[in-house]
């Protein structure tokens, strides 16, 4: 399968937060649909991404790791510039504006 191009004809690059959860599974799925992906472990890894997948894990642990790595501030900043974010399990909880129940 060919890489899916962005508006500027360069391939979209999607990051997968590599702190907890099913990182390799997300990277495998991206590869199967022809989207290049890379692991994101520190704030500098966010540069050049079209989007970021935040996998599951334990929510409070993920929050702490994001803070310790400086990724929390980098993600807020880059999201403000247009970085798309998608979370699964704990990643979805971290991205939620409100949680009921």
PDB file of N, CA and C in Angstrom:
ATOM      1  N   UNK A   1       0.837  -1.168   0.000  1.00  0.00           N
ATOM      2  CA  UNK A   1       0.000   0.000   0.000  1.00  0.00           C
ATOM      3  C   UNK A   1       0.892   1.244   0.000  1.00  0.00           C
ATOM      4  N   UNK A   2       0.528   2.271  -0.734  1.00  0.00           N
ATOM      5  CA  UNK A   2       1.323   3.489  -0.821  1.00  0.00           C
ATOM      6  C   UNK A   2       1.057   4.398   0.373  1.00  0.00           C
ATOM      7  N   UNK A   3       2.055   5.241   0.676  1.00  0.00           N
ATOM      8  CA  UNK A   3       1.882   6.236   1.731  1.00  0.00           C
ATOM      9  C   UNK A   3       0.797   7.224   1.340  1.00  0.00           C
ATOM     10  N   UNK A   4      -0.012   7.609   2.300  1.00  0.00           N
ATOM     11  CA  UNK A   4      -1.070   8.596   2.083  1.00  0.00           C
ATOM     12  C   UNK A   4      -0.438   9.979   2.153  1.00  0.00           C
ATOM     13  N   UNK A   5      -0.553  10.795   1.100  1.00  0.00           N
ATOM     14  CA  UNK A   5       0.117  12.099   1.106  1.00  0.00           C
ATOM     15  C   UNK A   5      -0.669  13.153   1.871  1.00  0.00           C
ATOM     16  N   UNK A   6       0.060  14.094   2.429  1.00  0.00           N
ATOM     17  CA  UNK A   6      -0.542  15.278   3.033  1.00  0.00           C
ATOM     18  C   UNK A   6      -0.875  16.255   1.914  1.00  0.00           C
ATOM     19  N   UNK A   7      -1.444  17.394   2.275  1.00  0.00           N
ATOM     20  CA  UNK A   7      -1.829  18.401   1.285  1.00  0.00           C
ATOM     21  C   UNK A   7      -0.633  18.864   0.461  1.00  0.00           C
ATOM     22  N   UNK A   8       0.567  18.866   1.054  1.00  0.00           N
ATOM     23  CA  UNK A   8       1.757  19.332   0.337  1.00  0.00           C
ATOM     24  C   UNK A   8       2.471  18.185  -0.382  1.00  0.00           C
ATOM     25  N   UNK A   9       1.786  17.041  -0.536  1.00  0.00           N
ATOM     26  CA  UNK A   9       2.291  15.851  -1.223  1.00  0.00           C
ATOM     27  C   UNK A   9       3.410  15.116  -0.511  1.00  0.00           C
ATOM     28  N   UNK A  10       3.762  15.522   0.712  1.00  0.00           N
ATOM     29  CA  UNK A  10       4.693  14.715   1.492  1.00  0.00           C
ATOM     30  C   UNK A  10       3.856  13.726   2.299  1.00  0.00           C
ATOM     31  N   UNK A  11       4.405  12.541   2.627  1.00  0.00           N
ATOM     32  CA  UNK A  11       3.602  11.572   3.362  1.00  0.00           C
ATOM     33  C   UNK A  11       3.281  12.074   4.771  1.00  0.00           C
ATOM     34  N   UNK A  12       2.061  11.783   5.216  1.00  0.00           N
ATOM     35  CA  UNK A  12       1.702  12.091   6.593  1.00  0.00           C
ATOM     36  C   UNK A  12       2.586  11.268   7.518  1.00  0.00           C
ATOM     37  N   UNK A  13       3.010  11.863   8.609  1.00  0.00           N
ATOM     38  CA  UNK A  13       3.788  11.136   9.601  1.00  0.00           C
ATOM     39  C   UNK A  13       3.011  11.177  10.902  1.00  0.00           C
ATOM     40  N   UNK A  14       2.683  10.008  11.418  1.00  0.00           N
ATOM     41  CA  UNK A  14       1.911   9.898  12.648  1.00  0.00           C
ATOM     42  C   UNK A  14       2.807   9.327  13.740  1.00  0.00           C
ATOM     43  N   UNK A  15       2.812   9.999  14.868  1.00  0.00           N
ATOM     44  CA  UNK A  15       3.565   9.518  16.014  1.00  0.00           C
ATOM     45  C   UNK A  15       2.694   8.650  16.901  1.00  0.00           C
ATOM     46  N   UNK A  16       3.340   7.757  17.630  1.00  0.00           N
ATOM     47  CA  UNK A  16       2.667   6.950  18.641  1.00  0.00           C
ATOM     48  C   UNK A  16       3.420   7.168  19.947  1.00  0.00           C
ATOM     49  N   UNK A  17       2.716   7.696  20.943  1.00  0.00           N
ATOM     50  CA  UNK A  17       3.336   7.961  22.229  1.00  0.00           C
ATOM     51  C   UNK A  17       3.868   6.662  22.808  1.00  0.00           C
ATOM     52  N   UNK A  18       5.162   6.624  23.087  1.00  0.00           N
ATOM     53  CA  UNK A  18       5.832   5.400  23.524  1.00  0.00           C
ATOM     54  C   UNK A  18       6.195   5.494  25.002  1.00  0.00           C
ATOM     55  N   UNK A  19       5.168   5.592  25.846  1.00  0.00           N
ATOM     56  CA  UNK A  19       5.385   5.613  27.290  1.00  0.00           C
ATOM     57  C   UNK A  19       4.738   4.402  27.955  1.00  0.00           C
ATOM     58  N   UNK A  20       3.607   3.952  27.429  1.00  0.00           N
ATOM     59  CA  UNK A  20       2.876   2.784  27.918  1.00  0.00           C
ATOM     60  C   UNK A  20       1.946   2.324  26.818  1.00  0.00           C
ATOM     61  N   UNK A  21       1.355   1.166  27.002  1.00  0.00           N
ATOM     62  CA  UNK A  21       0.284   0.731  26.114  1.00  0.00           C
ATOM     63  C   UNK A  21       0.761   0.010  24.866  1.00  0.00           C
ATOM     64  N   UNK A  22      -0.171  -0.155  23.937  1.00  0.00           N
ATOM     65  CA  UNK A  22       0.053  -0.942  22.729  1.00  0.00           C
ATOM     66  C   UNK A  22       0.747  -0.160  21.629  1.00  0.00           C
ATOM     67  N   UNK A  23       1.945   0.284  21.895  1.00  0.00           N
ATOM     68  CA  UNK A  23       2.688   1.112  20.942  1.00  0.00           C
ATOM     69  C   UNK A  23       2.948   0.356  19.646  1.00  0.00           C
ATOM     70  N   UNK A  24       3.515  -0.823  19.744  1.00  0.00           N
ATOM     71  CA  UNK A  24       3.862  -1.576  18.537  1.00  0.00           C
ATOM     72  C   UNK A  24       2.631  -1.938  17.729  1.00  0.00           C
ATOM     73  N   UNK A  25       1.526  -2.254  18.405  1.00  0.00           N
ATOM     74  CA  UNK A  25       0.294  -2.588  17.703  1.00  0.00           C
ATOM     75  C   UNK A  25      -0.201  -1.405  16.868  1.00  0.00           C
ATOM     76  N   UNK A  26      -0.125  -0.211  17.415  1.00  0.00           N
ATOM     77  CA  UNK A  26      -0.531   0.977  16.658  1.00  0.00           C
ATOM     78  C   UNK A  26       0.405   1.213  15.473  1.00  0.00           C
ATOM     79  N   UNK A  27       1.698   1.050  15.689  1.00  0.00           N
ATOM     80  CA  UNK A  27       2.659   1.217  14.587  1.00  0.00           C
ATOM     81  C   UNK A  27       2.413   0.180  13.490  1.00  0.00           C
ATOM     82  N   UNK A  28       2.105  -1.046  13.895  1.00  0.00           N
ATOM     83  CA  UNK A  28       1.807  -2.103  12.920  1.00  0.00           C
ATOM     84  C   UNK A  28       0.576  -1.750  12.086  1.00  0.00           C
ATOM     85  N   UNK A  29      -0.467  -1.246  12.724  1.00  0.00           N
ATOM     86  CA  UNK A  29      -1.684  -0.865  11.996  1.00  0.00           C
ATOM     87  C   UNK A  29      -1.397   0.268  11.014  1.00  0.00           C
ATOM     88  N   UNK A  30      -0.632   1.255  11.448  1.00  0.00           N
ATOM     89  CA  UNK A  30      -0.284   2.354  10.538  1.00  0.00           C
ATOM     90  C   UNK A  30       0.457   1.823   9.318  1.00  0.00           C
ATOM     91  N   UNK A  31       1.406   0.926   9.550  1.00  0.00           N
ATOM     92  CA  UNK A  31       2.165   0.344   8.435  1.00  0.00           C
ATOM     93  C   UNK A  31       1.246  -0.386   7.465  1.00  0.00           C
ATOM     94  N   UNK A  32       0.283  -1.141   7.999  1.00  0.00           N
ATOM     95  CA  UNK A  32      -0.632  -1.899   7.138  1.00  0.00           C
ATOM     96  C   UNK A  32      -1.474  -1.005   6.236  1.00  0.00           C
ATOM     97  N   UNK A  33      -1.779   0.206   6.689  1.00  0.00           N
ATOM     98  CA  UNK A  33      -2.589   1.107   5.852  1.00  0.00           C
ATOM     99  C   UNK A  33      -1.729   2.110   5.080  1.00  0.00           C
ATOM    100  N   UNK A  34      -0.407   1.934   5.139  1.00  0.00           N
ATOM    101  CA  UNK A  34       0.487   2.751   4.332  1.00  0.00           C
ATOM    102  C   UNK A  34       0.795   4.118   4.893  1.00  0.00           C
ATOM    103  N   UNK A  35       0.645   4.283   6.204  1.00  0.00           N
ATOM    104  CA  UNK A  35       0.937   5.572   6.843  1.00  0.00           C
ATOM    105  C   UNK A  35       2.213   5.427   7.658  1.00  0.00           C
ATOM    106  N   UNK A  36       3.226   6.246   7.375  1.00  0.00           N
ATOM    107  CA  UNK A  36       4.450   6.147   8.157  1.00  0.00           C
ATOM    108  C   UNK A  36       4.222   6.596   9.601  1.00  0.00           C
ATOM    109  N   UNK A  37       4.787   5.847  10.528  1.00  0.00           N
ATOM    110  CA  UNK A  37       4.666   6.172  11.942  1.00  0.00           C
ATOM    111  C   UNK A  37       6.021   6.124  12.626  1.00  0.00           C
ATOM    112  N   UNK A  38       6.087   6.788  13.768  1.00  0.00           N
ATOM    113  CA  UNK A  38       7.314   6.713  14.568  1.00  0.00           C
ATOM    114  C   UNK A  38       6.965   6.837  16.047  1.00  0.00           C
ATOM    115  N   UNK A  39       7.840   6.295  16.854  1.00  0.00           N
ATOM    116  CA  UNK A  39       7.692   6.355  18.310  1.00  0.00           C
ATOM    117  C   UNK A  39       7.986   7.768  18.799  1.00  0.00           C
ATOM    118  N   UNK A  40       7.243   8.194  19.815  1.00  0.00           N
ATOM    119  CA  UNK A  40       7.441   9.503  20.432  1.00  0.00           C
ATOM    120  C   UNK A  40       7.708   9.266  21.915  1.00  0.00           C
ATOM    121  N   UNK A  41       8.946   9.599  22.337  1.00  0.00           N
ATOM    122  CA  UNK A  41       9.343   9.387  23.726  1.00  0.00           C
ATOM    123  C   UNK A  41       9.712  10.680  24.444  1.00  0.00           C
ATOM    124  N   UNK A  42      10.024  11.717  23.676  1.00  0.00           N
ATOM    125  CA  UNK A  42      10.415  12.988  24.297  1.00  0.00           C
ATOM    126  C   UNK A  42       9.886  14.149  23.466  1.00  0.00           C
ATOM    127  N   UNK A  43       9.918  15.334  24.044  1.00  0.00           N
ATOM    128  CA  UNK A  43       9.292  16.513  23.422  1.00  0.00           C
ATOM    129  C   UNK A  43       9.787  16.765  21.997  1.00  0.00           C
ATOM    130  N   UNK A  44      11.053  16.567  21.735  1.00  0.00           N
ATOM    131  CA  UNK A  44      11.602  16.814  20.406  1.00  0.00           C
ATOM    132  C   UNK A  44      11.078  15.873  19.337  1.00  0.00           C
ATOM    133  N   UNK A  45      10.536  14.730  19.748  1.00  0.00           N
ATOM    134  CA  UNK A  45      10.016  13.746  18.798  1.00  0.00           C
ATOM    135  C   UNK A  45       8.711  14.188  18.144  1.00  0.00           C
ATOM    136  N   UNK A  46       8.077  15.238  18.669  1.00  0.00           N
ATOM    137  CA  UNK A  46       6.777  15.695  18.158  1.00  0.00           C
ATOM    138  C   UNK A  46       6.942  16.493  16.861  1.00  0.00           C
ATOM    139  N   UNK A  47       8.108  17.060  16.649  1.00  0.00           N
ATOM    140  CA  UNK A  47       8.341  17.898  15.466  1.00  0.00           C
ATOM    141  C   UNK A  47       8.085  17.130  14.181  1.00  0.00           C
ATOM    142  N   UNK A  48       7.353  17.746  13.266  1.00  0.00           N
ATOM    143  CA  UNK A  48       7.109  17.173  11.947  1.00  0.00           C
ATOM    144  C   UNK A  48       5.959  16.184  11.873  1.00  0.00           C
ATOM    145  N   UNK A  49       5.255  15.978  12.968  1.00  0.00           N
ATOM    146  CA  UNK A  49       4.143  15.035  12.958  1.00  0.00           C
ATOM    147  C   UNK A  49       2.862  15.700  12.467  1.00  0.00           C
ATOM    148  N   UNK A  50       2.048  14.935  11.759  1.00  0.00           N
ATOM    149  CA  UNK A  50       0.707  15.395  11.389  1.00  0.00           C
ATOM    150  C   UNK A  50      -0.282  15.040  12.490  1.00  0.00           C
ATOM    151  N   UNK A  51       0.020  13.993  13.246  1.00  0.00           N
ATOM    152  CA  UNK A  51      -0.860  13.559  14.314  1.00  0.00           C
ATOM    153  C   UNK A  51      -0.125  12.678  15.290  1.00  0.00           C
ATOM    154  N   UNK A  52      -0.771  12.453  16.430  1.00  0.00           N
ATOM    155  CA  UNK A  52      -0.191  11.616  17.477  1.00  0.00           C
ATOM    156  C   UNK A  52      -1.279  10.717  18.043  1.00  0.00           C
ATOM    157  N   UNK A  53      -0.956   9.437  18.166  1.00  0.00           N
ATOM    158  CA  UNK A  53      -1.822   8.474  18.830  1.00  0.00           C
ATOM    159  C   UNK A  53      -1.305   8.292  20.243  1.00  0.00           C
ATOM    160  N   UNK A  54      -2.218   8.420  21.208  1.00  0.00           N
ATOM    161  CA  UNK A  54      -1.865   8.189  22.606  1.00  0.00           C
ATOM    162  C   UNK A  54      -2.525   6.878  23.017  1.00  0.00           C
ATOM    163  N   UNK A  55      -1.731   5.796  23.147  1.00  0.00           N
ATOM    164  CA  UNK A  55      -2.300   4.490  23.478  1.00  0.00           C
ATOM    165  C   UNK A  55      -2.745   4.415  24.935  1.00  0.00           C
ATOM    166  N   UNK A  56      -3.295   3.253  25.273  1.00  0.00           N
ATOM    167  CA  UNK A  56      -3.726   3.001  26.636  1.00  0.00           C
ATOM    168  C   UNK A  56      -2.560   2.872  27.594  1.00  0.00           C
ATOM    169  N   UNK A  57      -2.908   2.561  28.796  1.00  0.00           N
ATOM    170  CA  UNK A  57      -1.973   2.457  29.902  1.00  0.00           C
ATOM    171  C   UNK A  57      -2.738   2.825  31.158  1.00  0.00           C
ATOM    172  N   UNK A  58      -2.060   3.287  32.138  1.00  0.00           N
ATOM    173  CA  UNK A  58      -2.705   3.714  33.377  1.00  0.00           C
ATOM    174  C   UNK A  58      -2.699   5.238  33.383  1.00  0.00           C
ATOM    175  N   UNK A  59      -3.856   5.861  33.503  1.00  0.00           N
ATOM    176  CA  UNK A  59      -4.025   7.292  33.279  1.00  0.00           C
ATOM    177  C   UNK A  59      -3.118   8.155  34.144  1.00  0.00           C
ATOM    178  N   UNK A  60      -3.101   7.921  35.451  1.00  0.00           N
ATOM    179  CA  UNK A  60      -2.294   8.785  36.317  1.00  0.00           C
ATOM    180  C   UNK A  60      -0.803   8.580  36.061  1.00  0.00           C
ATOM    181  N   UNK A  61      -0.415   7.365  35.727  1.00  0.00           N
ATOM    182  CA  UNK A  61       0.991   7.107  35.378  1.00  0.00           C
ATOM    183  C   UNK A  61       1.357   7.823  34.077  1.00  0.00           C
ATOM    184  N   UNK A  62       0.467   7.751  33.074  1.00  0.00           N
ATOM    185  CA  UNK A  62       0.714   8.461  31.812  1.00  0.00           C
ATOM    186  C   UNK A  62       0.851   9.963  32.037  1.00  0.00           C
ATOM    187  N   UNK A  63      -0.033  10.534  32.878  1.00  0.00           N
ATOM    188  CA  UNK A  63       0.058  11.966  33.185  1.00  0.00           C
ATOM    189  C   UNK A  63       1.419  12.298  33.771  1.00  0.00           C
ATOM    190  N   UNK A  64       1.871  11.490  34.712  1.00  0.00           N
ATOM    191  CA  UNK A  64       3.171  11.732  35.360  1.00  0.00           C
ATOM    192  C   UNK A  64       4.313  11.623  34.353  1.00  0.00           C
ATOM    193  N   UNK A  65       4.295  10.586  33.523  1.00  0.00           N
ATOM    194  CA  UNK A  65       5.354  10.410  32.524  1.00  0.00           C
ATOM    195  C   UNK A  65       5.351  11.545  31.498  1.00  0.00           C
ATOM    196  N   UNK A  66       4.164  11.992  31.086  1.00  0.00           N
ATOM    197  CA  UNK A  66       4.077  13.133  30.161  1.00  0.00           C
ATOM    198  C   UNK A  66       4.704  14.371  30.787  1.00  0.00           C
ATOM    199  N   UNK A  67       4.425  14.591  32.059  1.00  0.00           N
ATOM    200  CA  UNK A  67       4.973  15.762  32.752  1.00  0.00           C
ATOM    201  C   UNK A  67       6.492  15.647  32.899  1.00  0.00           C
ATOM    202  N   UNK A  68       6.967  14.491  33.367  1.00  0.00           N
ATOM    203  CA  UNK A  68       8.409  14.306  33.584  1.00  0.00           C
ATOM    204  C   UNK A  68       9.217  14.434  32.294  1.00  0.00           C
ATOM    205  N   UNK A  69       8.631  14.024  31.180  1.00  0.00           N
ATOM    206  CA  UNK A  69       9.341  14.071  29.891  1.00  0.00           C
ATOM    207  C   UNK A  69       9.219  15.420  29.193  1.00  0.00           C
ATOM    208  N   UNK A  70       8.346  16.300  29.713  1.00  0.00           N
ATOM    209  CA  UNK A  70       8.101  17.577  29.048  1.00  0.00           C
ATOM    210  C   UNK A  70       7.163  17.462  27.862  1.00  0.00           C
ATOM    211  N   UNK A  71       6.655  16.260  27.631  1.00  0.00           N
ATOM    212  CA  UNK A  71       5.746  16.058  26.501  1.00  0.00           C
ATOM    213  C   UNK A  71       4.400  16.734  26.717  1.00  0.00           C
ATOM    214  N   UNK A  72       3.981  16.911  27.969  1.00  0.00           N
ATOM    215  CA  UNK A  72       2.677  17.545  28.207  1.00  0.00           C
ATOM    216  C   UNK A  72       2.638  18.942  27.606  1.00  0.00           C
ATOM    217  N   UNK A  73       3.649  19.761  27.891  1.00  0.00           N
ATOM    218  CA  UNK A  73       3.699  21.119  27.340  1.00  0.00           C
ATOM    219  C   UNK A  73       3.878  21.112  25.825  1.00  0.00           C
ATOM    220  N   UNK A  74       4.721  20.202  25.328  1.00  0.00           N
ATOM    221  CA  UNK A  74       4.958  20.116  23.879  1.00  0.00           C
ATOM    222  C   UNK A  74       3.672  19.743  23.140  1.00  0.00           C
ATOM    223  N   UNK A  75       2.888  18.829  23.699  1.00  0.00           N
ATOM    224  CA  UNK A  75       1.654  18.406  23.035  1.00  0.00           C
ATOM    225  C   UNK A  75       0.609  19.511  23.038  1.00  0.00           C
ATOM    226  N   UNK A  76       0.499  20.229  24.144  1.00  0.00           N
ATOM    227  CA  UNK A  76      -0.443  21.355  24.193  1.00  0.00           C
ATOM    228  C   UNK A  76      -0.040  22.408  23.162  1.00  0.00           C
ATOM    229  N   UNK A  77       1.248  22.708  23.109  1.00  0.00           N
ATOM    230  CA  UNK A  77       1.752  23.713  22.160  1.00  0.00           C
ATOM    231  C   UNK A  77       1.511  23.273  20.718  1.00  0.00           C
ATOM    232  N   UNK A  78       1.874  22.053  20.380  1.00  0.00           N
ATOM    233  CA  UNK A  78       1.737  21.567  19.002  1.00  0.00           C
ATOM    234  C   UNK A  78       0.276  21.363  18.610  1.00  0.00           C
ATOM    235  N   UNK A  79      -0.553  20.957  19.558  1.00  0.00           N
ATOM    236  CA  UNK A  79      -1.988  20.835  19.266  1.00  0.00           C
ATOM    237  C   UNK A  79      -2.553  22.216  18.913  1.00  0.00           C
ATOM    238  N   UNK A  80      -2.092  23.241  19.590  1.00  0.00           N
ATOM    239  CA  UNK A  80      -2.508  24.599  19.268  1.00  0.00           C
ATOM    240  C   UNK A  80      -2.090  25.033  17.872  1.00  0.00           C
ATOM    241  N   UNK A  81      -1.059  24.393  17.336  1.00  0.00           N
ATOM    242  CA  UNK A  81      -0.586  24.687  15.980  1.00  0.00           C
ATOM    243  C   UNK A  81      -1.202  23.753  14.936  1.00  0.00           C
ATOM    244  N   UNK A  82      -2.085  22.840  15.380  1.00  0.00           N
ATOM    245  CA  UNK A  82      -2.776  21.983  14.417  1.00  0.00           C
ATOM    246  C   UNK A  82      -2.481  20.497  14.513  1.00  0.00           C
ATOM    247  N   UNK A  83      -1.606  20.073  15.427  1.00  0.00           N
ATOM    248  CA  UNK A  83      -1.335  18.640  15.576  1.00  0.00           C
ATOM    249  C   UNK A  83      -2.620  17.919  15.969  1.00  0.00           C
ATOM    250  N   UNK A  84      -2.963  16.882  15.232  1.00  0.00           N
ATOM    251  CA  UNK A  84      -4.146  16.080  15.528  1.00  0.00           C
ATOM    252  C   UNK A  84      -3.799  15.046  16.591  1.00  0.00           C
ATOM    253  N   UNK A  85      -4.702  14.852  17.548  1.00  0.00           N
ATOM    254  CA  UNK A  85      -4.486  13.909  18.637  1.00  0.00           C
ATOM    255  C   UNK A  85      -5.602  12.876  18.648  1.00  0.00           C
ATOM    256  N   UNK A  86      -5.248  11.618  18.893  1.00  0.00           N
ATOM    257  CA  UNK A  86      -6.227  10.545  18.995  1.00  0.00           C
ATOM    258  C   UNK A  86      -5.776   9.614  20.108  1.00  0.00           C
ATOM    259  N   UNK A  87      -6.679   9.292  21.006  1.00  0.00           N
ATOM    260  CA  UNK A  87      -6.333   8.428  22.120  1.00  0.00           C
ATOM    261  C   UNK A  87      -7.168   7.174  22.150  1.00  0.00           C
ATOM    262  N   UNK A  88      -6.551   6.091  22.591  1.00  0.00           N
ATOM    263  CA  UNK A  88      -7.271   4.849  22.832  1.00  0.00           C
ATOM    264  C   UNK A  88      -7.149   4.530  24.315  1.00  0.00           C
ATOM    265  N   UNK A  89      -8.209   4.032  24.900  1.00  0.00           N
ATOM    266  CA  UNK A  89      -8.258   3.676  26.325  1.00  0.00           C
ATOM    267  C   UNK A  89      -7.819   4.853  27.188  1.00  0.00           C
ATOM    268  N   UNK A  90      -6.732   4.707  27.932  1.00  0.00           N
ATOM    269  CA  UNK A  90      -6.269   5.790  28.810  1.00  0.00           C
ATOM    270  C   UNK A  90      -5.931   7.043  28.007  1.00  0.00           C
ATOM    271  N   UNK A  91      -5.476   6.872  26.783  1.00  0.00           N
ATOM    272  CA  UNK A  91      -5.187   8.033  25.933  1.00  0.00           C
ATOM    273  C   UNK A  91      -6.432   8.852  25.659  1.00  0.00           C
ATOM    274  N   UNK A  92      -7.565   8.169  25.469  1.00  0.00           N
ATOM    275  CA  UNK A  92      -8.831   8.874  25.253  1.00  0.00           C
ATOM    276  C   UNK A  92      -9.263   9.597  26.515  1.00  0.00           C
ATOM    277  N   UNK A  93      -9.025   8.990  27.665  1.00  0.00           N
ATOM    278  CA  UNK A  93      -9.364   9.641  28.930  1.00  0.00           C
ATOM    279  C   UNK A  93      -8.527  10.911  29.115  1.00  0.00           C
ATOM    280  N   UNK A  94      -7.246  10.827  28.809  1.00  0.00           N
ATOM    281  CA  UNK A  94      -6.377  12.007  28.944  1.00  0.00           C
ATOM    282  C   UNK A  94      -6.812  13.147  28.029  1.00  0.00           C
ATOM    283  N   UNK A  95      -7.363  12.822  26.871  1.00  0.00           N
ATOM    284  CA  UNK A  95      -7.773  13.848  25.915  1.00  0.00           C
ATOM    285  C   UNK A  95      -9.168  14.398  26.170  1.00  0.00           C
ATOM    286  N   UNK A  96      -9.943  13.715  27.021  1.00  0.00           N
ATOM    287  CA  UNK A  96     -11.330  14.110  27.255  1.00  0.00           C
ATOM    288  C   UNK A  96     -11.413  15.454  27.971  1.00  0.00           C
ATOM    289  N   UNK A  97     -12.404  16.261  27.565  1.00  0.00           N
ATOM    290  CA  UNK A  97     -12.680  17.510  28.272  1.00  0.00           C
ATOM    291  C   UNK A  97     -13.472  17.244  29.538  1.00  0.00           C
ATOM    292  N   UNK A  98     -14.353  16.252  29.473  1.00  0.00           N
ATOM    293  CA  UNK A  98     -15.185  15.879  30.619  1.00  0.00           C
ATOM    294  C   UNK A  98     -15.251  14.362  30.697  1.00  0.00           C
ATOM    295  N   UNK A  99     -15.336  13.872  31.922  1.00  0.00           N
ATOM    296  CA  UNK A  99     -15.524  12.437  32.135  1.00  0.00           C
ATOM    297  C   UNK A  99     -16.712  12.273  33.060  1.00  0.00           C
ATOM    298  N   UNK A 100     -17.674  11.495  32.633  1.00  0.00           N
ATOM    299  CA  UNK A 100     -18.850  11.228  33.456  1.00  0.00           C
ATOM    300  C   UNK A 100     -18.787   9.837  34.025  1.00  0.00           C
ATOM    301  N   UNK A 101     -19.219   9.706  35.268  1.00  0.00           N
ATOM    302  CA  UNK A 101     -19.317   8.379  35.888  1.00  0.00           C
ATOM    303  C   UNK A 101     -18.124   7.921  36.596  1.00  0.00           C
TER     304      UNK A 101
END
